[in-house]
């Protein structure tokens, strides 16, 4: 057995210990109550997927903006150093 398997199993056990007994059953029952028909379940699933996609997109845009700002700052520092070097006699 790989060492990663032991670490993964430990993480799963730790996460399971944090959940109250019957959590999965209560969550599924609440979902079935909110969406009793197959069509409503599909709509709920699509809405959940769309919300997750929007959150992922927003996080991606934010991280790209942070990276672009960092890159711009780095290039401005390089440009300043080039200007200093070009001013030398």
Protein backbone atom coordinates (compact mmCIF):
# COMPACT_ATOMS: atom_id res chain seq x y z
CA UNK A 1 0.00 0.00 0.00
CA UNK A 2 1.30 3.45 -0.88
CA UNK A 3 2.07 5.99 1.87
CA UNK A 4 -0.31 8.41 0.14
CA UNK A 5 -3.13 5.95 0.79
CA UNK A 6 -2.50 6.08 4.53
CA UNK A 7 -2.48 9.86 4.49
CA UNK A 8 -5.66 9.95 2.41
CA UNK A 9 -7.38 7.45 4.71
CA UNK A 10 -6.37 9.54 7.72
CA UNK A 11 -7.84 12.66 6.12
CA UNK A 12 -11.07 10.83 5.28
CA UNK A 13 -11.34 9.54 8.84
CA UNK A 14 -10.70 13.01 10.25
CA UNK A 15 -13.35 14.55 7.98
CA UNK A 16 -15.85 11.81 8.84
CA UNK A 17 -15.29 12.42 12.54
CA UNK A 18 -16.30 16.06 12.10
CA UNK A 19 -19.66 15.22 10.52
CA UNK A 20 -22.65 14.52 12.72
CA UNK A 21 -24.17 11.03 12.37
CA UNK A 22 -26.83 10.95 9.66
CA UNK A 23 -25.53 14.06 7.90
CA UNK A 24 -25.61 12.49 4.44
CA UNK A 25 -29.12 11.10 4.94
CA UNK A 26 -30.46 14.45 6.20
CA UNK A 27 -28.81 16.28 3.29
CA UNK A 28 -30.33 13.91 0.73
CA UNK A 29 -33.74 14.11 2.41
CA UNK A 30 -33.62 17.90 2.35
CA UNK A 31 -32.65 17.87 -1.32
CA UNK A 32 -35.49 15.47 -2.15
CA UNK A 33 -37.91 17.66 -0.21
CA UNK A 34 -36.74 20.78 -2.03
CA UNK A 35 -36.88 19.02 -5.41
CA UNK A 36 -39.40 16.14 -5.26
CA UNK A 37 -39.64 15.46 -9.02
CA UNK A 38 -36.95 14.36 -11.44
CA UNK A 39 -37.28 17.61 -13.38
CA UNK A 40 -36.90 19.72 -10.26
CA UNK A 41 -33.86 17.66 -9.25
CA UNK A 42 -32.30 18.29 -12.66
CA UNK A 43 -33.04 22.01 -12.36
CA UNK A 44 -31.60 22.11 -8.84
CA UNK A 45 -28.50 20.24 -10.03
CA UNK A 46 -28.08 22.61 -12.97
CA UNK A 47 -28.47 25.64 -10.71
CA UNK A 48 -25.92 24.22 -8.28
CA UNK A 49 -23.48 23.50 -11.13
CA UNK A 50 -23.98 27.01 -12.52
CA UNK A 51 -23.35 28.56 -9.10
CA UNK A 52 -20.18 26.49 -8.66
CA UNK A 53 -19.00 27.44 -12.16
CA UNK A 54 -19.60 31.14 -11.44
CA UNK A 55 -17.66 30.94 -8.18
CA UNK A 56 -14.79 29.10 -9.90
CA UNK A 57 -14.79 31.67 -12.71
CA UNK A 58 -14.74 34.54 -10.21
CA UNK A 59 -11.86 33.04 -8.28
CA UNK A 60 -9.96 32.42 -11.52
CA UNK A 61 -10.47 36.03 -12.67
CA UNK A 62 -9.31 37.34 -9.28
CA UNK A 63 -6.20 35.15 -9.24
CA UNK A 64 -5.36 36.15 -12.81
CA UNK A 65 -5.68 39.82 -11.87
CA UNK A 66 -3.39 39.34 -8.87
CA UNK A 67 -0.83 37.56 -11.06
CA UNK A 68 -1.04 40.25 -13.76
CA UNK A 69 -0.48 42.99 -11.16
CA UNK A 70 2.52 41.11 -9.75
CA UNK A 71 3.97 40.63 -13.24
CA UNK A 72 3.43 44.29 -14.08
CA UNK A 73 5.21 45.35 -10.90
CA UNK A 74 8.12 43.03 -11.75
CA UNK A 75 8.39 44.41 -15.29
CA UNK A 76 8.24 47.99 -13.98
CA UNK A 77 11.15 47.19 -11.68
CA UNK A 78 13.10 45.71 -14.60
CA UNK A 79 12.32 48.76 -16.74
CA UNK A 80 13.50 51.08 -13.96
CA UNK A 81 16.77 49.16 -13.70
CA UNK A 82 17.24 49.30 -17.48
CA UNK A 83 16.64 53.07 -17.38
CA UNK A 84 19.26 53.44 -14.65
CA UNK A 85 21.77 51.37 -16.62
CA UNK A 86 21.12 53.30 -19.84
CA UNK A 87 21.78 56.60 -18.02
CA UNK A 88 25.30 55.50 -17.01
CA UNK A 89 28.11 57.18 -18.92
